[in-house]
Amino acid sequence: MNKENYLTELEALQAAIAEERLAHQRTKRILETRLSASNALLGEALDRQDTAEARLAALAAENRTLKHRLELDHSMMAAASWSNHRQSAGSTSMPLFFC
């Protein structure tokens, strides 16, 4: 091979390398765009998870409050029932706290 053939082959290789670089840059931009979109979706999913966890915590707190109120209502009903029973047991008998 002579010098001209080497130069022609070198130019062809340089052109092929330039094409590969462009293809690589396009692929890199596409992957970066996909990664960015994926990160955005992940961020939204994490936000929804945080919202769901906060809502769950609020519902659990409300559940505890309602359970406590129900327990108080049962206690009040039991006390009222006991009081009514004591009153109907006999007006002439002494109240229990005087015994």
PDB file of N, CA and C in Angstrom:
ATOM      1  N   MET A   1       0.842  -1.188   0.000  1.00  0.00           N
ATOM      2  CA  MET A   1       0.000   0.000   0.000  1.00  0.00           C
ATOM      3  C   MET A   1       0.880   1.242   0.000  1.00  0.00           C
ATOM      4  N   ASN A   2       0.367   2.213  -0.704  1.00  0.00           N
ATOM      5  CA  ASN A   2       1.134   3.450  -0.727  1.00  0.00           C
ATOM      6  C   ASN A   2       0.535   4.467   0.243  1.00  0.00           C
ATOM      7  N   LYS A   3       1.139   5.605   0.260  1.00  0.00           N
ATOM      8  CA  LYS A   3       0.768   6.648   1.213  1.00  0.00           C
ATOM      9  C   LYS A   3      -0.665   7.135   0.985  1.00  0.00           C
ATOM     10  N   GLU A   4      -1.093   7.249  -0.271  1.00  0.00           N
ATOM     11  CA  GLU A   4      -2.449   7.713  -0.580  1.00  0.00           C
ATOM     12  C   GLU A   4      -3.494   6.733  -0.056  1.00  0.00           C
ATOM     13  N   ASN A   5      -3.228   5.462  -0.198  1.00  0.00           N
ATOM     14  CA  ASN A   5      -4.163   4.452   0.314  1.00  0.00           C
ATOM     15  C   ASN A   5      -4.270   4.527   1.843  1.00  0.00           C
ATOM     16  N   TYR A   6      -3.137   4.713   2.492  1.00  0.00           N
ATOM     17  CA  TYR A   6      -3.155   4.861   3.951  1.00  0.00           C
ATOM     18  C   TYR A   6      -3.960   6.089   4.365  1.00  0.00           C
ATOM     19  N   LEU A   7      -3.767   7.198   3.654  1.00  0.00           N
ATOM     20  CA  LEU A   7      -4.505   8.423   3.976  1.00  0.00           C
ATOM     21  C   LEU A   7      -6.005   8.237   3.741  1.00  0.00           C
ATOM     22  N   THR A   8      -6.356   7.569   2.675  1.00  0.00           N
ATOM     23  CA  THR A   8      -7.769   7.302   2.380  1.00  0.00           C
ATOM     24  C   THR A   8      -8.376   6.415   3.466  1.00  0.00           C
ATOM     25  N   GLU A   9      -7.647   5.390   3.844  1.00  0.00           N
ATOM     26  CA  GLU A   9      -8.127   4.495   4.904  1.00  0.00           C
ATOM     27  C   GLU A   9      -8.226   5.228   6.234  1.00  0.00           C
ATOM     28  N   LEU A  10      -7.268   6.098   6.520  1.00  0.00           N
ATOM     29  CA  LEU A  10      -7.284   6.887   7.747  1.00  0.00           C
ATOM     30  C   LEU A  10      -8.491   7.818   7.779  1.00  0.00           C
ATOM     31  N   GLU A  11      -8.769   8.473   6.658  1.00  0.00           N
ATOM     32  CA  GLU A  11      -9.935   9.358   6.584  1.00  0.00           C
ATOM     33  C   GLU A  11     -11.228   8.570   6.771  1.00  0.00           C
ATOM     34  N   ALA A  12     -11.304   7.393   6.186  1.00  0.00           N
ATOM     35  CA  ALA A  12     -12.494   6.544   6.340  1.00  0.00           C
ATOM     36  C   ALA A  12     -12.667   6.132   7.799  1.00  0.00           C
ATOM     37  N   LEU A  13     -11.569   5.764   8.446  1.00  0.00           N
ATOM     38  CA  LEU A  13     -11.639   5.393   9.868  1.00  0.00           C
ATOM     39  C   LEU A  13     -12.045   6.584  10.731  1.00  0.00           C
ATOM     40  N   GLN A  14     -11.502   7.770  10.421  1.00  0.00           N
ATOM     41  CA  GLN A  14     -11.867   8.969  11.175  1.00  0.00           C
ATOM     42  C   GLN A  14     -13.349   9.298  10.986  1.00  0.00           C
ATOM     43  N   ALA A  15     -13.857   9.132   9.772  1.00  0.00           N
ATOM     44  CA  ALA A  15     -15.282   9.364   9.509  1.00  0.00           C
ATOM     45  C   ALA A  15     -16.138   8.360  10.280  1.00  0.00           C
ATOM     46  N   ALA A  16     -15.706   7.109  10.302  1.00  0.00           N
ATOM     47  CA  ALA A  16     -16.446   6.076  11.044  1.00  0.00           C
ATOM     48  C   ALA A  16     -16.437   6.382  12.538  1.00  0.00           C
ATOM     49  N   ILE A  17     -15.291   6.832  13.039  1.00  0.00           N
ATOM     50  CA  ILE A  17     -15.198   7.200  14.467  1.00  0.00           C
ATOM     51  C   ILE A  17     -16.119   8.374  14.769  1.00  0.00           C
ATOM     52  N   ALA A  18     -16.152   9.368  13.878  1.00  0.00           N
ATOM     53  CA  ALA A  18     -17.030  10.525  14.074  1.00  0.00           C
ATOM     54  C   ALA A  18     -18.491  10.096  14.092  1.00  0.00           C
ATOM     55  N   GLU A  19     -18.879   9.184  13.188  1.00  0.00           N
ATOM     56  CA  GLU A  19     -20.253   8.667  13.168  1.00  0.00           C
ATOM     57  C   GLU A  19     -20.573   7.918  14.456  1.00  0.00           C
ATOM     58  N   GLU A  20     -19.632   7.128  14.922  1.00  0.00           N
ATOM     59  CA  GLU A  20     -19.831   6.389  16.173  1.00  0.00           C
ATOM     60  C   GLU A  20     -19.994   7.346  17.352  1.00  0.00           C
ATOM     61  N   ARG A  21     -19.207   8.422  17.356  1.00  0.00           N
ATOM     62  CA  ARG A  21     -19.332   9.415  18.433  1.00  0.00           C
ATOM     63  C   ARG A  21     -20.713  10.058  18.417  1.00  0.00           C
ATOM     64  N   LEU A  22     -21.186  10.429  17.214  1.00  0.00           N
ATOM     65  CA  LEU A  22     -22.522  11.020  17.104  1.00  0.00           C
ATOM     66  C   LEU A  22     -23.599  10.042  17.572  1.00  0.00           C
ATOM     67  N   ALA A  23     -23.470   8.794  17.154  1.00  0.00           N
ATOM     68  CA  ALA A  23     -24.433   7.772  17.581  1.00  0.00           C
ATOM     69  C   ALA A  23     -24.388   7.605  19.097  1.00  0.00           C
ATOM     70  N   HIS A  24     -23.180   7.609  19.648  1.00  0.00           N
ATOM     71  CA  HIS A  24     -23.015   7.488  21.097  1.00  0.00           C
ATOM     72  C   HIS A  24     -23.658   8.679  21.811  1.00  0.00           C
ATOM     73  N   GLN A  25     -23.451   9.891  21.285  1.00  0.00           N
ATOM     74  CA  GLN A  25     -24.034  11.084  21.899  1.00  0.00           C
ATOM     75  C   GLN A  25     -25.560  11.039  21.844  1.00  0.00           C
ATOM     76  N   ARG A  26     -26.114  10.591  20.706  1.00  0.00           N
ATOM     77  CA  ARG A  26     -27.575  10.468  20.597  1.00  0.00           C
ATOM     78  C   ARG A  26     -28.099   9.458  21.613  1.00  0.00           C
ATOM     79  N   THR A  27     -27.432   8.320  21.686  1.00  0.00           N
ATOM     80  CA  THR A  27     -27.842   7.289  22.648  1.00  0.00           C
ATOM     81  C   THR A  27     -27.742   7.814  24.075  1.00  0.00           C
ATOM     82  N   LYS A  28     -26.675   8.535  24.356  1.00  0.00           N
ATOM     83  CA  LYS A  28     -26.478   9.094  25.693  1.00  0.00           C
ATOM     84  C   LYS A  28     -27.597  10.079  26.030  1.00  0.00           C
ATOM     85  N   ARG A  29     -27.970  10.949  25.078  1.00  0.00           N
ATOM     86  CA  ARG A  29     -29.055  11.907  25.322  1.00  0.00           C
ATOM     87  C   ARG A  29     -30.380  11.188  25.560  1.00  0.00           C
ATOM     88  N   ILE A  30     -30.632  10.155  24.765  1.00  0.00           N
ATOM     89  CA  ILE A  30     -31.865   9.379  24.939  1.00  0.00           C
ATOM     90  C   ILE A  30     -31.895   8.737  26.321  1.00  0.00           C
ATOM     91  N   LEU A  31     -30.784   8.131  26.717  1.00  0.00           N
ATOM     92  CA  LEU A  31     -30.720   7.481  28.032  1.00  0.00           C
ATOM     93  C   LEU A  31     -30.850   8.495  29.161  1.00  0.00           C
ATOM     94  N   GLU A  32     -30.232   9.666  29.004  1.00  0.00           N
ATOM     95  CA  GLU A  32     -30.356  10.710  30.020  1.00  0.00           C
ATOM     96  C   GLU A  32     -31.796  11.185  30.140  1.00  0.00           C
ATOM     97  N   THR A  33     -32.477  11.323  28.994  1.00  0.00           N
ATOM     98  CA  THR A  33     -33.886  11.728  29.002  1.00  0.00           C
ATOM     99  C   THR A  33     -34.737  10.674  29.698  1.00  0.00           C
ATOM    100  N   ARG A  34     -34.495   9.417  29.372  1.00  0.00           N
ATOM    101  CA  ARG A  34     -35.250   8.328  30.016  1.00  0.00           C
ATOM    102  C   ARG A  34     -34.974   8.279  31.512  1.00  0.00           C
ATOM    103  N   LEU A  35     -33.718   8.474  31.884  1.00  0.00           N
ATOM    104  CA  LEU A  35     -33.362   8.468  33.299  1.00  0.00           C
ATOM    105  C   LEU A  35     -34.047   9.615  34.026  1.00  0.00           C
ATOM    106  N   SER A  36     -34.064  10.776  33.404  1.00  0.00           N
ATOM    107  CA  SER A  36     -34.719  11.931  34.004  1.00  0.00           C
ATOM    108  C   SER A  36     -36.217  11.671  34.188  1.00  0.00           C
ATOM    109  N   ALA A  37     -36.850  11.114  33.157  1.00  0.00           N
ATOM    110  CA  ALA A  37     -38.277  10.789  33.251  1.00  0.00           C
ATOM    111  C   ALA A  37     -38.519   9.737  34.325  1.00  0.00           C
ATOM    112  N   SER A  38     -37.648   8.747  34.384  1.00  0.00           N
ATOM    113  CA  SER A  38     -37.772   7.697  35.394  1.00  0.00           C
ATOM    114  C   SER A  38     -37.621   8.271  36.800  1.00  0.00           C
ATOM    115  N   ASN A  39     -36.668   9.171  36.971  1.00  0.00           N
ATOM    116  CA  ASN A  39     -36.481   9.810  38.276  1.00  0.00           C
ATOM    117  C   ASN A  39     -37.691  10.653  38.657  1.00  0.00           C
ATOM    118  N   ALA A  40     -38.281  11.331  37.673  1.00  0.00           N
ATOM    119  CA  ALA A  40     -39.478  12.128  37.944  1.00  0.00           C
ATOM    120  C   ALA A  40     -40.625  11.226  38.392  1.00  0.00           C
ATOM    121  N   LEU A  41     -40.805  10.100  37.697  1.00  0.00           N
ATOM    122  CA  LEU A  41     -41.858   9.155  38.085  1.00  0.00           C
ATOM    123  C   LEU A  41     -41.601   8.582  39.471  1.00  0.00           C
ATOM    124  N   LEU A  42     -40.352   8.274  39.753  1.00  0.00           N
ATOM    125  CA  LEU A  42     -39.999   7.760  41.073  1.00  0.00           C
ATOM    126  C   LEU A  42     -40.292   8.803  42.146  1.00  0.00           C
ATOM    127  N   GLY A  43     -39.953  10.060  41.866  1.00  0.00           N
ATOM    128  CA  GLY A  43     -40.240  11.135  42.815  1.00  0.00           C
ATOM    129  C   GLY A  43     -41.726  11.269  43.081  1.00  0.00           C
ATOM    130  N   GLU A  44     -42.528  11.192  42.016  1.00  0.00           N
ATOM    131  CA  GLU A  44     -43.981  11.258  42.182  1.00  0.00           C
ATOM    132  C   GLU A  44     -44.490  10.073  42.999  1.00  0.00           C
ATOM    133  N   ALA A  45     -43.961   8.899  42.725  1.00  0.00           N
ATOM    134  CA  ALA A  45     -44.381   7.707  43.473  1.00  0.00           C
ATOM    135  C   ALA A  45     -44.014   7.838  44.950  1.00  0.00           C
ATOM    136  N   LEU A  46     -42.831   8.369  45.227  1.00  0.00           N
ATOM    137  CA  LEU A  46     -42.422   8.559  46.623  1.00  0.00           C
ATOM    138  C   LEU A  46     -43.296   9.601  47.306  1.00  0.00           C
ATOM    139  N   ASP A  47     -43.668  10.660  46.580  1.00  0.00           N
ATOM    140  CA  ASP A  47     -44.576  11.660  47.140  1.00  0.00           C
ATOM    141  C   ASP A  47     -45.926  11.038  47.468  1.00  0.00           C
ATOM    142  N   ARG A  48     -46.439  10.209  46.550  1.00  0.00           N
ATOM    143  CA  ARG A  48     -47.718   9.540  46.812  1.00  0.00           C
ATOM    144  C   ARG A  48     -47.604   8.603  48.009  1.00  0.00           C
ATOM    145  N   GLN A  49     -46.462   7.922  48.121  1.00  0.00           N
ATOM    146  CA  GLN A  49     -46.256   7.027  49.261  1.00  0.00           C
ATOM    147  C   GLN A  49     -46.222   7.831  50.557  1.00  0.00           C
ATOM    148  N   ASP A  50     -45.516   8.963  50.556  1.00  0.00           N
ATOM    149  CA  ASP A  50     -45.465   9.811  51.749  1.00  0.00           C
ATOM    150  C   ASP A  50     -46.859  10.292  52.123  1.00  0.00           C
ATOM    151  N   THR A  51     -47.636  10.689  51.114  1.00  0.00           N
ATOM    152  CA  THR A  51     -49.003  11.145  51.362  1.00  0.00           C
ATOM    153  C   THR A  51     -49.841  10.014  51.943  1.00  0.00           C
ATOM    154  N   ALA A  52     -49.703   8.831  51.367  1.00  0.00           N
ATOM    155  CA  ALA A  52     -50.464   7.679  51.859  1.00  0.00           C
ATOM    156  C   ALA A  52     -50.058   7.324  53.287  1.00  0.00           C
ATOM    157  N   GLU A  53     -48.767   7.388  53.584  1.00  0.00           N
ATOM    158  CA  GLU A  53     -48.306   7.082  54.943  1.00  0.00           C
ATOM    159  C   GLU A  53     -48.810   8.123  55.936  1.00  0.00           C
ATOM    160  N   ALA A  54     -48.826   9.391  55.537  1.00  0.00           N
ATOM    161  CA  ALA A  54     -49.339  10.443  56.418  1.00  0.00           C
ATOM    162  C   ALA A  54     -50.833  10.250  56.650  1.00  0.00           C
ATOM    163  N   ARG A  55     -51.551   9.895  55.591  1.00  0.00           N
ATOM    164  CA  ARG A  55     -52.990   9.657  55.734  1.00  0.00           C
ATOM    165  C   ARG A  55     -53.245   8.453  56.636  1.00  0.00           C
ATOM    166  N   LEU A  56     -52.443   7.410  56.463  1.00  0.00           N
ATOM    167  CA  LEU A  56     -52.576   6.225  57.307  1.00  0.00           C
ATOM    168  C   LEU A  56     -52.324   6.570  58.773  1.00  0.00           C
ATOM    169  N   ALA A  57     -51.312   7.383  59.031  1.00  0.00           N
ATOM    170  CA  ALA A  57     -51.016   7.794  60.408  1.00  0.00           C
ATOM    171  C   ALA A  57     -52.175   8.604  60.981  1.00  0.00           C
ATOM    172  N   ALA A  58     -52.749   9.498  60.164  1.00  0.00           N
ATOM    173  CA  ALA A  58     -53.888  10.298  60.629  1.00  0.00           C
ATOM    174  C   ALA A  58     -55.091   9.407  60.917  1.00  0.00           C
ATOM    175  N   LEU A  59     -55.332   8.430  60.054  1.00  0.00           N
ATOM    176  CA  LEU A  59     -56.446   7.508  60.281  1.00  0.00           C
ATOM    177  C   LEU A  59     -56.215   6.651  61.523  1.00  0.00           C
ATOM    178  N   ALA A  60     -54.987   6.244  61.752  1.00  0.00           N
ATOM    179  CA  ALA A  60     -54.676   5.456  62.950  1.00  0.00           C
ATOM    180  C   ALA A  60     -54.911   6.291  64.204  1.00  0.00           C
ATOM    181  N   ALA A  61     -54.517   7.568  64.161  1.00  0.00           N
ATOM    182  CA  ALA A  61     -54.745   8.454  65.309  1.00  0.00           C
ATOM    183  C   ALA A  61     -56.239   8.648  65.538  1.00  0.00           C
ATOM    184  N   GLU A  62     -56.985   8.842  64.451  1.00  0.00           N
ATOM    185  CA  GLU A  62     -58.439   8.998  64.576  1.00  0.00           C
ATOM    186  C   GLU A  62     -59.062   7.720  65.127  1.00  0.00           C
ATOM    187  N   ASN A  63     -58.564   6.578  64.698  1.00  0.00           N
ATOM    188  CA  ASN A  63     -59.063   5.293  65.182  1.00  0.00           C
ATOM    189  C   ASN A  63     -58.822   5.150  66.689  1.00  0.00           C
ATOM    190  N   ARG A  64     -57.625   5.549  67.139  1.00  0.00           N
ATOM    191  CA  ARG A  64     -57.334   5.481  68.578  1.00  0.00           C
ATOM    192  C   ARG A  64     -58.266   6.405  69.365  1.00  0.00           C
ATOM    193  N   THR A  65     -58.510   7.605  68.826  1.00  0.00           N
ATOM    194  CA  THR A  65     -59.401   8.554  69.495  1.00  0.00           C
ATOM    195  C   THR A  65     -60.811   7.990  69.591  1.00  0.00           C
ATOM    196  N   LEU A  66     -61.301   7.443  68.482  1.00  0.00           N
ATOM    197  CA  LEU A  66     -62.649   6.872  68.487  1.00  0.00           C
ATOM    198  C   LEU A  66     -62.746   5.675  69.428  1.00  0.00           C
ATOM    199  N   LYS A  67     -61.704   4.860  69.477  1.00  0.00           N
ATOM    200  CA  LYS A  67     -61.692   3.709  70.384  1.00  0.00           C
ATOM    201  C   LYS A  67     -61.741   4.186  71.835  1.00  0.00           C
ATOM    202  N   HIS A  68     -60.967   5.230  72.132  1.00  0.00           N
ATOM    203  CA  HIS A  68     -60.961   5.775  73.486  1.00  0.00           C
ATOM    204  C   HIS A  68     -62.342   6.338  73.840  1.00  0.00           C
ATOM    205  N   ARG A  69     -62.966   7.046  72.905  1.00  0.00           N
ATOM    206  CA  ARG A  69     -64.315   7.580  73.152  1.00  0.00           C
ATOM    207  C   ARG A  69     -65.312   6.458  73.391  1.00  0.00           C
ATOM    208  N   LEU A  70     -65.199   5.392  72.611  1.00  0.00           N
ATOM    209  CA  LEU A  70     -66.096   4.252  72.775  1.00  0.00           C
ATOM    210  C   LEU A  70     -65.907   3.621  74.152  1.00  0.00           C
ATOM    211  N   GLU A  71     -64.658   3.482  74.588  1.00  0.00           N
ATOM    212  CA  GLU A  71     -64.394   2.941  75.920  1.00  0.00           C
ATOM    213  C   GLU A  71     -64.990   3.841  76.998  1.00  0.00           C
ATOM    214  N   LEU A  72     -64.869   5.161  76.822  1.00  0.00           N
ATOM    215  CA  LEU A  72     -65.464   6.095  77.780  1.00  0.00           C
ATOM    216  C   LEU A  72     -66.981   5.980  77.780  1.00  0.00           C
ATOM    217  N   ASP A  73     -67.573   5.856  76.591  1.00  0.00           N
ATOM    218  CA  ASP A  73     -69.027   5.696  76.510  1.00  0.00           C
ATOM    219  C   ASP A  73     -69.471   4.432  77.234  1.00  0.00           C
ATOM    220  N   HIS A  74     -68.739   3.338  77.049  1.00  0.00           N
ATOM    221  CA  HIS A  74     -69.083   2.088  77.742  1.00  0.00           C
ATOM    222  C   HIS A  74     -68.969   2.268  79.259  1.00  0.00           C
ATOM    223  N   SER A  75     -67.932   2.966  79.696  1.00  0.00           N
ATOM    224  CA  SER A  75     -67.766   3.212  81.130  1.00  0.00           C
ATOM    225  C   SER A  75     -68.904   4.066  81.668  1.00  0.00           C
ATOM    226  N   MET A  76     -69.270   5.106  80.915  1.00  0.00           N
ATOM    227  CA  MET A  76     -70.367   5.981  81.350  1.00  0.00           C
ATOM    228  C   MET A  76     -71.689   5.216  81.391  1.00  0.00           C
ATOM    229  N   MET A  77     -71.920   4.362  80.384  1.00  0.00           N
ATOM    230  CA  MET A  77     -73.156   3.573  80.371  1.00  0.00           C
ATOM    231  C   MET A  77     -73.174   2.589  81.534  1.00  0.00           C
ATOM    232  N   ALA A  78     -72.036   2.002  81.842  1.00  0.00           N
ATOM    233  CA  ALA A  78     -71.969   1.067  82.970  1.00  0.00           C
ATOM    234  C   ALA A  78     -72.224   1.804  84.277  1.00  0.00           C
ATOM    235  N   ALA A  79     -71.650   3.005  84.413  1.00  0.00           N
ATOM    236  CA  ALA A  79     -71.870   3.788  85.633  1.00  0.00           C
ATOM    237  C   ALA A  79     -73.323   4.216  85.739  1.00  0.00           C
ATOM    238  N   ALA A  80     -73.922   4.622  84.622  1.00  0.00           N
ATOM    239  CA  ALA A  80     -75.333   5.034  84.633  1.00  0.00           C
ATOM    240  C   ALA A  80     -76.219   3.841  84.961  1.00  0.00           C
ATOM    241  N   SER A  81     -75.901   2.688  84.403  1.00  0.00           N
ATOM    242  CA  SER A  81     -76.670   1.478  84.680  1.00  0.00           C
ATOM    243  C   SER A  81     -76.571   1.116  86.161  1.00  0.00           C
ATOM    244  N   TRP A  82     -75.362   1.200  86.700  1.00  0.00           N
ATOM    245  CA  TRP A  82     -75.170   0.895  88.121  1.00  0.00           C
ATOM    246  C   TRP A  82     -75.943   1.891  88.978  1.00  0.00           C
ATOM    247  N   SER A  83     -75.893   3.165  88.611  1.00  0.00           N
ATOM    248  CA  SER A  83     -76.591   4.205  89.363  1.00  0.00           C
ATOM    249  C   SER A  83     -78.094   3.978  89.319  1.00  0.00           C
ATOM    250  N   ASN A  84     -78.622   3.658  88.137  1.00  0.00           N
ATOM    251  CA  ASN A  84     -80.063   3.387  88.019  1.00  0.00           C
ATOM    252  C   ASN A  84     -80.438   2.160  88.833  1.00  0.00           C
ATOM    253  N   HIS A  85     -79.602   1.155  88.803  1.00  0.00           N
ATOM    254  CA  HIS A  85     -79.865  -0.063  89.565  1.00  0.00           C
ATOM    255  C   HIS A  85     -79.892   0.242  91.064  1.00  0.00           C
ATOM    256  N   ARG A  86     -78.947   1.056  91.528  1.00  0.00           N
ATOM    257  CA  ARG A  86     -78.881   1.414  92.951  1.00  0.00           C
ATOM    258  C   ARG A  86     -80.107   2.214  93.357  1.00  0.00           C
ATOM    259  N   GLN A  87     -80.546   3.109  92.470  1.00  0.00           N
ATOM    260  CA  GLN A  87     -81.714   3.931  92.803  1.00  0.00           C
ATOM    261  C   GLN A  87     -82.977   3.091  92.833  1.00  0.00           C
ATOM    262  N   SER A  88     -83.083   2.126  91.924  1.00  0.00           N
ATOM    263  CA  SER A  88     -84.291   1.305  91.876  1.00  0.00           C
ATOM    264  C   SER A  88     -84.251   0.172  92.894  1.00  0.00           C
ATOM    265  N   ALA A  89     -83.097  -0.112  93.461  1.00  0.00           N
ATOM    266  CA  ALA A  89     -82.971  -1.216  94.414  1.00  0.00           C
ATOM    267  C   ALA A  89     -83.718  -0.909  95.704  1.00  0.00           C
ATOM    268  N   GLY A  90     -83.856   0.314  95.987  1.00  0.00           N
ATOM    269  CA  GLY A  90     -84.592   0.672  97.196  1.00  0.00           C
ATOM    270  C   GLY A  90     -84.236   2.069  97.632  1.00  0.00           C
ATOM    271  N   SER A  91     -85.220   2.904  97.712  1.00  0.00           N
ATOM    272  CA  SER A  91     -84.976   4.285  98.111  1.00  0.00           C
ATOM    273  C   SER A  91     -84.688   4.369  99.597  1.00  0.00           C
ATOM    274  N   THR A  92     -85.141   3.376 100.360  1.00  0.00           N
ATOM    275  CA  THR A  92     -84.974   3.417 101.804  1.00  0.00           C
ATOM    276  C   THR A  92     -83.597   2.963 102.242  1.00  0.00           C
ATOM    277  N   SER A  93     -82.924   2.195 101.402  1.00  0.00           N
ATOM    278  CA  SER A  93     -81.609   1.713 101.819  1.00  0.00           C
ATOM    279  C   SER A  93     -80.587   2.831 101.721  1.00  0.00           C
ATOM    280  N   MET A  94     -79.575   2.715 102.533  1.00  0.00           N
ATOM    281  CA  MET A  94     -78.527   3.735 102.544  1.00  0.00           C
ATOM    282  C   MET A  94     -77.661   3.609 101.307  1.00  0.00           C
ATOM    283  N   PRO A  95     -77.246   4.736 100.782  1.00  0.00           N
ATOM    284  CA  PRO A  95     -76.316   4.666  99.646  1.00  0.00           C
ATOM    285  C   PRO A  95     -75.034   3.945 100.056  1.00  0.00           C
ATOM    286  N   LEU A  96     -74.392   3.352  99.095  1.00  0.00           N
ATOM    287  CA  LEU A  96     -73.221   2.526  99.335  1.00  0.00           C
ATOM    288  C   LEU A  96     -72.092   3.314  99.981  1.00  0.00           C
ATOM    289  N   PHE A  97     -71.959   4.579  99.653  1.00  0.00           N
ATOM    290  CA  PHE A  97     -70.827   5.328 100.187  1.00  0.00           C
ATOM    291  C   PHE A  97     -71.005   5.712 101.651  1.00  0.00           C
ATOM    292  N   PHE A  98     -72.196   5.484 102.219  1.00  0.00           N
ATOM    293  CA  PHE A  98     -72.381   5.728 103.646  1.00  0.00           C
ATOM    294  C   PHE A  98     -72.079   4.495 104.478  1.00  0.00           C
ATOM    295  N   CYS A  99     -71.901   3.390 103.875  1.00  0.00           N
ATOM    296  CA  CYS A  99     -71.657   2.150 104.605  1.00  0.00           C
ATOM    297  C   CYS A  99     -70.249   2.068 105.111  1.00  0.00           C
TER     298      CYS A  99
END
